[in-house]
Amino acid sequence: MTKYDDLMRGLRQGKILPVYLFFGDEEFLIQEAVSLILAKTVDPASQDFNFNTVYCKGTSGSEIVNLAQTLPFMSERRTVIAKEVEALKAADLEELVAYLKDPSPSTCLILLVNQPRFEKKSVINAVESQGAVTRFFALLDREIIPWISGWAKAKGLTIQNDAAQYVWQTLGNDLQAINNELEKTAVSLKDRKSITLDDVKSVVGDFRDFTSFDLAEAVGRKNRERAFLVLGRLIQEGEQPVGLLGSIAWNYRRIMRAKSLEAAGVGYDEIKRKLNIIFHQSAAFQDQMRRNDLQELQGAFGALLDADRALKSGSLNGRLVLERLVLRLCGI
């Protein structure tokens, strides 16, 4: 399997392969790779003749193969994107695999799977023999700031570390939101090439509307700085501490159940189904599972109970109670 960094390096160097298979948790990174391929392969002047996008749910394997085998018109290459490959039936996959073993050198076929995992070995092996298979994992917290720096470098810019930190703390791990705000920041620079903290503050500002789920997720991932940021914003917006505590407790119950299922040998895909974890939350929830073991979770419920008692007694300010809770759950 081709690693993300190796894939992007090759694409930026203009090394285009006849077939790609992409799947994983991070949809933005997948789209980033697809956009780079299209920039290298599709001529806007002949796009209508040499570029096709199809959805496999309503397309047969033979139709996809026919598109891929069609010669380009007044161009060196044609490009075909086939989405939702997981929807293809067995007979259609057989036709596709036969093509993948000997793909047209004048076509770039991009196969996209709308799932975090894809285990059709026949397809994976065929693509790997002629092209690249990449699974796109959601970035870990420690990878976000380097990604932001890499984004700036790819644009011919630099970004100061405190500016990158501010973007991450404000926007979290949402790469689409980070990209959008950095694009606006880059436009505001005019002739300058370095992004400062003041630059991102003037553009990113405090525009994001946080929810109690954002707070629960930040605490579950033990991201103390982000938890304090979100907590402060929610309190300023009038959210009640009791309700916020309820969201944190609800999330910890989910993590506890997930860890219990995991300990019983249940796979993550089944855990997601049982807990109704939707696709775009999958990577973040899996990260919370990694960061909390069963012993820690048991201690967390004691901290949650203490916070509940303190809020109901009214002996302490509600924000202070939650700040102390964040310290206990995230680690001082």
Protein backbone atom coordinates (compact mmCIF):
# COMPACT_ATOMS: atom_id res chain seq x y z
CA MET A 1 0.00 0.00 0.00
CA THR A 2 1.28 3.49 -0.86
CA LYS A 3 1.63 5.88 2.08
CA TYR A 4 -0.07 9.25 1.87
CA ASP A 5 3.19 11.23 1.94
CA ASP A 6 4.72 9.09 -0.83
CA LEU A 7 1.57 9.38 -2.92
CA MET A 8 1.44 13.18 -2.66
CA ARG A 9 5.17 13.50 -3.36
CA GLY A 10 4.80 11.51 -6.56
CA LEU A 11 1.74 13.45 -7.68
CA ARG A 12 3.42 16.81 -7.08
CA GLN A 13 6.33 15.58 -9.20
CA GLY A 14 3.89 14.77 -12.00
CA LYS A 15 4.22 10.99 -11.74
CA ILE A 16 0.74 9.88 -12.80
CA LEU A 17 -0.12 6.18 -12.65
CA PRO A 18 -2.82 4.45 -14.74
CA VAL A 19 -4.96 3.53 -11.74
CA TYR A 20 -5.52 4.62 -8.14
CA LEU A 21 -7.66 3.21 -5.33
CA PHE A 22 -8.44 5.56 -2.44
CA PHE A 23 -10.36 4.94 0.79
CA GLY A 24 -10.13 5.86 4.47
CA ASP A 25 -11.32 8.10 7.29
CA GLU A 26 -10.25 11.52 6.04
CA GLU A 27 -12.40 12.62 3.12
CA PHE A 28 -10.61 15.97 2.75
CA LEU A 29 -7.23 14.31 2.15
CA ILE A 30 -8.80 12.00 -0.43
CA GLN A 31 -10.28 14.96 -2.27
CA GLU A 32 -6.95 16.78 -2.04
CA ALA A 33 -5.22 13.88 -3.81
CA VAL A 34 -7.97 13.63 -6.45
CA SER A 35 -7.78 17.37 -7.14
CA LEU A 36 -4.02 17.14 -7.62
CA ILE A 37 -4.44 14.26 -10.09
CA LEU A 38 -7.06 16.21 -12.02
CA ALA A 39 -4.82 19.27 -12.13
CA LYS A 40 -2.11 17.12 -13.72
CA THR A 41 -4.30 15.11 -16.10
CA VAL A 42 -7.33 17.12 -17.22
CA ASP A 43 -6.98 19.89 -19.80
CA PRO A 44 -9.91 22.29 -19.34
CA ALA A 45 -10.05 22.78 -23.12
CA SER A 46 -10.83 19.10 -23.75
CA GLN A 47 -12.47 18.23 -20.42
CA ASP A 48 -15.86 17.46 -21.99
CA PHE A 49 -14.30 14.74 -24.15
CA ASN A 50 -11.68 13.27 -21.82
CA PHE A 51 -13.08 13.34 -18.29
CA ASN A 52 -15.87 11.24 -16.77
CA THR A 53 -17.24 10.71 -13.26
CA VAL A 54 -19.53 7.74 -12.57
CA TYR A 55 -21.19 6.27 -9.50
CA CYS A 56 -20.76 2.52 -9.28
CA LYS A 57 -24.16 2.05 -7.66
CA GLY A 58 -25.79 2.77 -11.00
CA THR A 59 -22.98 1.70 -13.32
CA SER A 60 -21.89 -1.76 -14.44
CA GLY A 61 -18.31 -2.98 -14.48
CA SER A 62 -18.37 -3.13 -18.27
CA GLU A 63 -19.40 0.53 -18.51
CA ILE A 64 -16.48 1.58 -16.31
CA VAL A 65 -14.07 -0.55 -18.36
CA ASN A 66 -15.43 0.85 -21.64
CA LEU A 67 -14.89 4.41 -20.41
CA ALA A 68 -11.37 3.56 -19.29
CA GLN A 69 -10.53 1.89 -22.61
CA THR A 70 -11.81 4.79 -24.71
CA LEU A 71 -8.94 6.62 -26.36
CA PRO A 72 -8.48 10.31 -25.45
CA PHE A 73 -9.62 12.90 -27.98
CA MET A 74 -6.97 15.44 -28.95
CA SER A 75 -5.16 14.86 -25.66
CA GLU A 76 -2.49 12.57 -24.24
CA ARG A 77 -4.73 11.17 -21.51
CA ARG A 78 -8.30 10.74 -20.38
CA THR A 79 -9.36 10.57 -16.74
CA VAL A 80 -12.18 8.53 -15.22
CA ILE A 81 -13.37 8.70 -11.60
CA ALA A 82 -15.47 5.78 -10.33
CA LYS A 83 -17.10 6.55 -6.98
CA GLU A 84 -18.56 4.13 -4.41
CA VAL A 85 -16.65 1.12 -5.71
CA GLU A 86 -17.94 -0.87 -2.74
CA ALA A 87 -21.38 -0.90 -4.42
CA LEU A 88 -20.20 -3.02 -7.36
CA LYS A 89 -21.54 -6.56 -7.52
CA ALA A 90 -19.24 -9.57 -7.73
CA ALA A 91 -19.60 -10.00 -11.51
CA ASP A 92 -18.88 -6.29 -12.08
CA LEU A 93 -15.81 -6.49 -9.87
CA GLU A 94 -14.51 -9.40 -11.93
CA GLU A 95 -14.77 -7.32 -15.10
CA LEU A 96 -13.07 -4.41 -13.41
CA VAL A 97 -10.25 -6.57 -12.00
CA ALA A 98 -9.57 -7.97 -15.47
CA TYR A 99 -9.05 -4.41 -16.72
CA LEU A 100 -6.95 -3.40 -13.72
CA LYS A 101 -4.44 -6.14 -14.48
CA ASP A 102 -3.77 -4.54 -17.87
CA PRO A 103 -5.00 -0.92 -17.75
CA SER A 104 -4.94 1.47 -20.66
CA PRO A 105 -1.73 3.57 -20.55
CA SER A 106 -3.64 6.58 -21.90
CA THR A 107 -6.22 6.59 -19.07
CA CYS A 108 -5.96 7.50 -15.41
CA LEU A 109 -8.69 5.59 -13.55
CA ILE A 110 -9.41 6.76 -9.99
CA LEU A 111 -11.42 4.34 -7.85
CA LEU A 112 -12.99 5.84 -4.73
CA VAL A 113 -14.47 3.86 -1.84
CA ASN A 114 -16.94 5.63 0.45
CA GLN A 115 -15.87 3.61 3.49
CA PRO A 116 -12.97 3.79 5.94
CA ARG A 117 -11.88 0.27 4.97
CA PHE A 118 -11.91 -1.78 1.77
CA GLU A 119 -11.02 -5.45 1.84
CA LYS A 120 -11.60 -6.71 -1.70
CA LYS A 121 -8.18 -8.32 -2.10
CA SER A 122 -8.62 -9.01 -5.80
CA VAL A 123 -9.16 -5.30 -6.49
CA ILE A 124 -6.40 -4.14 -4.13
CA ASN A 125 -3.85 -6.58 -5.56
CA ALA A 126 -4.72 -5.69 -9.14
CA VAL A 127 -4.42 -1.95 -8.49
CA GLU A 128 -1.17 -2.35 -6.57
CA SER A 129 0.39 -4.22 -9.49
CA GLN A 130 -0.21 -1.29 -11.87
CA GLY A 131 -0.86 1.77 -9.73
CA ALA A 132 -1.32 2.88 -6.13
CA VAL A 133 -3.63 1.94 -3.26
CA THR A 134 -3.78 4.47 -0.42
CA ARG A 135 -5.75 4.41 2.80
CA PHE A 136 -6.23 7.92 4.16
CA PHE A 137 -6.11 7.99 7.95
CA ALA A 138 -7.44 10.95 9.92
CA LEU A 139 -4.57 13.06 11.19
CA LEU A 140 -3.61 12.79 14.83
CA ASP A 141 -3.46 15.93 16.96
CA ARG A 142 0.34 16.01 16.71
CA GLU A 143 0.11 15.91 12.90
CA ILE A 144 -2.19 18.89 12.43
CA ILE A 145 0.37 21.68 12.87
CA PRO A 146 2.92 20.02 10.54
CA TRP A 147 0.07 19.63 8.02
CA ILE A 148 -0.71 23.34 8.32
CA SER A 149 2.97 24.16 7.78
CA GLY A 150 3.00 21.85 4.75
CA TRP A 151 -0.10 23.57 3.38
CA ALA A 152 1.67 26.93 3.60
CA LYS A 153 4.84 25.57 2.00
CA ALA A 154 2.88 24.15 -0.94
CA LYS A 155 1.51 27.68 -1.51
CA GLY A 156 4.98 29.23 -1.41
CA LEU A 157 4.32 30.65 2.07
CA THR A 158 5.49 30.16 5.63
CA ILE A 159 3.35 30.23 8.75
CA GLN A 160 4.62 31.11 12.22
CA ASN A 161 4.21 28.39 14.82
CA ASP A 162 1.94 30.44 17.10
CA ALA A 163 -0.29 31.17 14.10
CA ALA A 164 -0.53 27.47 13.24
CA GLN A 165 -1.28 26.68 16.89
CA TYR A 166 -4.09 29.26 16.92
CA VAL A 167 -5.65 27.82 13.77
CA TRP A 168 -5.61 24.32 15.26
CA GLN A 169 -6.96 25.37 18.65
CA THR A 170 -9.75 27.36 17.02
CA LEU A 171 -10.76 24.96 14.27
CA GLY A 172 -9.76 21.62 15.72
CA ASN A 173 -8.98 18.76 13.33
CA ASP A 174 -11.45 19.79 10.63
CA LEU A 175 -9.11 19.95 7.62
CA GLN A 176 -11.78 21.39 5.35
CA ALA A 177 -12.40 24.30 7.73
CA ILE A 178 -8.65 24.80 8.23
CA ASN A 179 -8.08 24.85 4.46
CA ASN A 180 -10.90 27.35 3.90
CA GLU A 181 -9.65 29.78 6.55
CA LEU A 182 -6.02 29.49 5.44
CA GLU A 183 -7.08 30.21 1.86
CA LYS A 184 -8.76 33.42 3.02
CA THR A 185 -5.73 34.28 5.12
CA ALA A 186 -3.40 33.79 2.15
CA VAL A 187 -5.50 36.18 0.05
CA SER A 188 -5.30 38.82 2.79
CA LEU A 189 -1.47 38.74 2.75
CA LYS A 190 -1.28 40.45 -0.64
CA ASP A 191 2.49 40.60 -1.35
CA ARG A 192 3.71 39.14 1.95
CA LYS A 193 4.86 35.53 2.20
CA SER A 194 4.71 34.85 5.95
CA ILE A 195 1.49 34.20 7.87
CA THR A 196 1.54 35.69 11.37
CA LEU A 197 -0.70 35.22 14.40
CA ASP A 198 -2.35 38.58 13.72
CA ASP A 199 -3.09 37.48 10.14
CA VAL A 200 -4.98 34.36 11.17
CA LYS A 201 -6.73 36.11 14.05
CA SER A 202 -8.07 38.78 11.70
CA VAL A 203 -9.49 36.14 9.35
CA VAL A 204 -10.30 33.12 11.51
CA GLY A 205 -11.39 35.18 14.49
CA ASP A 206 -14.01 33.59 16.70
CA PHE A 207 -16.35 32.70 13.87
CA ARG A 208 -16.87 29.06 14.73
CA ASP A 209 -20.04 28.02 16.53
CA PHE A 210 -19.09 25.31 19.00
CA THR A 211 -21.51 22.75 20.38
CA SER A 212 -21.50 20.68 23.54
CA PHE A 213 -20.41 17.75 21.37
CA ASP A 214 -17.20 19.63 20.49
CA LEU A 215 -16.50 20.01 24.20
CA ALA A 216 -17.21 16.34 24.91
CA GLU A 217 -14.95 15.27 22.03
CA ALA A 218 -12.08 17.53 23.14
CA VAL A 219 -12.26 16.13 26.68
CA GLY A 220 -12.51 12.57 25.36
CA ARG A 221 -9.35 13.13 23.30
CA LYS A 222 -7.62 14.61 26.37
CA ASN A 223 -6.98 17.85 24.49
CA ARG A 224 -6.96 20.18 27.50
CA GLU A 225 -6.22 23.41 25.60
CA ARG A 226 -9.01 22.87 23.10
CA ALA A 227 -11.43 21.81 25.84
CA PHE A 228 -10.81 25.08 27.71
CA LEU A 229 -11.25 27.07 24.48
CA VAL A 230 -14.57 25.41 23.66
CA LEU A 231 -15.80 25.53 27.27
CA GLY A 232 -15.09 29.25 27.52
CA ARG A 233 -16.90 29.98 24.27
CA LEU A 234 -19.95 27.93 25.21
CA ILE A 235 -20.23 29.58 28.64
CA GLN A 236 -19.97 33.01 26.98
CA GLU A 237 -22.82 32.01 24.65
CA GLY A 238 -25.03 31.16 27.61
CA GLU A 239 -24.79 27.36 27.72
CA GLN A 240 -25.67 25.93 31.11
CA PRO A 241 -22.91 23.99 32.95
CA VAL A 242 -25.33 21.18 33.86
CA GLY A 243 -26.12 20.57 30.20
CA LEU A 244 -22.43 20.63 29.26
CA LEU A 245 -21.66 18.13 32.00
CA GLY A 246 -24.42 15.91 30.64
CA SER A 247 -22.83 15.92 27.18
CA ILE A 248 -19.43 14.99 28.59
CA ALA A 249 -20.96 12.18 30.66
CA TRP A 250 -22.93 10.88 27.65
CA ASN A 251 -19.76 10.74 25.58
CA TYR A 252 -17.85 8.91 28.31
CA ARG A 253 -20.62 6.33 28.49
CA ARG A 254 -20.19 5.77 24.74
CA ILE A 255 -16.45 5.37 25.12
CA MET A 256 -16.91 2.96 28.03
CA ARG A 257 -19.32 0.82 26.04
CA ALA A 258 -17.00 0.86 23.03
CA LYS A 259 -14.00 -0.19 25.13
CA SER A 260 -16.05 -2.97 26.73
CA LEU A 261 -17.05 -4.26 23.30
CA GLU A 262 -13.46 -4.02 22.14
CA ALA A 263 -12.30 -6.02 25.17
CA ALA A 264 -14.86 -8.68 24.22
CA GLY A 265 -13.27 -9.02 20.78
CA VAL A 266 -15.74 -6.92 18.78
CA GLY A 267 -14.20 -5.16 15.76
CA TYR A 268 -14.35 -1.40 15.31
CA ASP A 269 -16.71 -1.53 12.33
CA GLU A 270 -19.25 -3.44 14.44
CA ILE A 271 -18.69 -1.06 17.38
CA LYS A 272 -19.49 1.89 15.11
CA ARG A 273 -22.69 0.21 13.97
CA LYS A 274 -23.83 -0.61 17.49
CA LEU A 275 -23.12 2.92 18.77
CA ASN A 276 -24.38 4.70 15.62
CA ILE A 277 -21.06 6.48 15.05
CA ILE A 278 -21.49 8.36 11.78
CA PHE A 279 -18.76 8.37 9.15
CA HIS A 280 -17.25 11.82 9.66
CA GLN A 281 -17.02 11.26 13.45
CA SER A 282 -15.43 7.84 13.14
CA ALA A 283 -11.75 8.81 13.29
CA ALA A 284 -12.23 11.18 16.23
CA PHE A 285 -14.15 8.57 18.21
CA GLN A 286 -11.54 5.91 17.51
CA ASP A 287 -8.90 8.34 18.78
CA GLN A 288 -10.89 8.76 22.00
CA MET A 289 -10.96 4.99 22.41
CA ARG A 290 -7.18 4.84 22.00
CA ARG A 291 -6.62 7.55 24.61
CA ASN A 292 -8.78 6.01 27.35
CA ASP A 293 -8.37 2.59 28.92
CA LEU A 294 -11.03 0.93 31.05
CA GLN A 295 -9.32 1.82 34.33
CA GLU A 296 -9.13 5.50 33.37
CA LEU A 297 -12.78 5.46 32.34
CA GLN A 298 -13.84 4.07 35.68
CA GLY A 299 -11.99 6.92 37.39
CA ALA A 300 -13.59 9.40 35.00
CA PHE A 301 -17.06 8.48 36.19
CA GLY A 302 -16.02 9.29 39.74
CA ALA A 303 -14.88 12.73 38.56
CA LEU A 304 -18.14 13.23 36.69
CA LEU A 305 -20.14 12.34 39.81
CA ASP A 306 -18.13 14.81 41.90
CA ALA A 307 -18.77 17.55 39.33
CA ASP A 308 -22.49 16.76 39.27
CA ARG A 309 -22.70 17.08 43.07
CA ALA A 310 -20.76 20.35 43.05
CA LEU A 311 -23.04 21.85 40.40
CA LYS A 312 -26.21 20.80 42.20
CA SER A 313 -25.00 22.05 45.58
CA GLY A 314 -24.20 25.46 44.13
CA SER A 315 -21.12 25.71 46.34
CA LEU A 316 -18.87 26.60 43.39
CA ASN A 317 -19.21 28.63 40.21
CA GLY A 318 -20.39 26.35 37.38
CA ARG A 319 -17.56 27.28 35.03
CA LEU A 320 -14.99 26.61 37.75
CA VAL A 321 -16.51 23.17 38.38
CA LEU A 322 -16.20 22.26 34.70
CA GLU A 323 -12.67 23.66 34.43
CA ARG A 324 -11.61 21.46 37.35
CA LEU A 325 -13.31 18.52 35.67
CA VAL A 326 -11.40 19.16 32.44
CA LEU A 327 -8.13 19.17 34.39
CA ARG A 328 -9.00 15.86 36.04
CA LEU A 329 -10.11 14.16 32.84
CA CYS A 330 -7.44 15.54 30.53
CA GLY A 331 -4.57 15.44 33.01
CA ILE A 332 -2.98 18.46 34.64
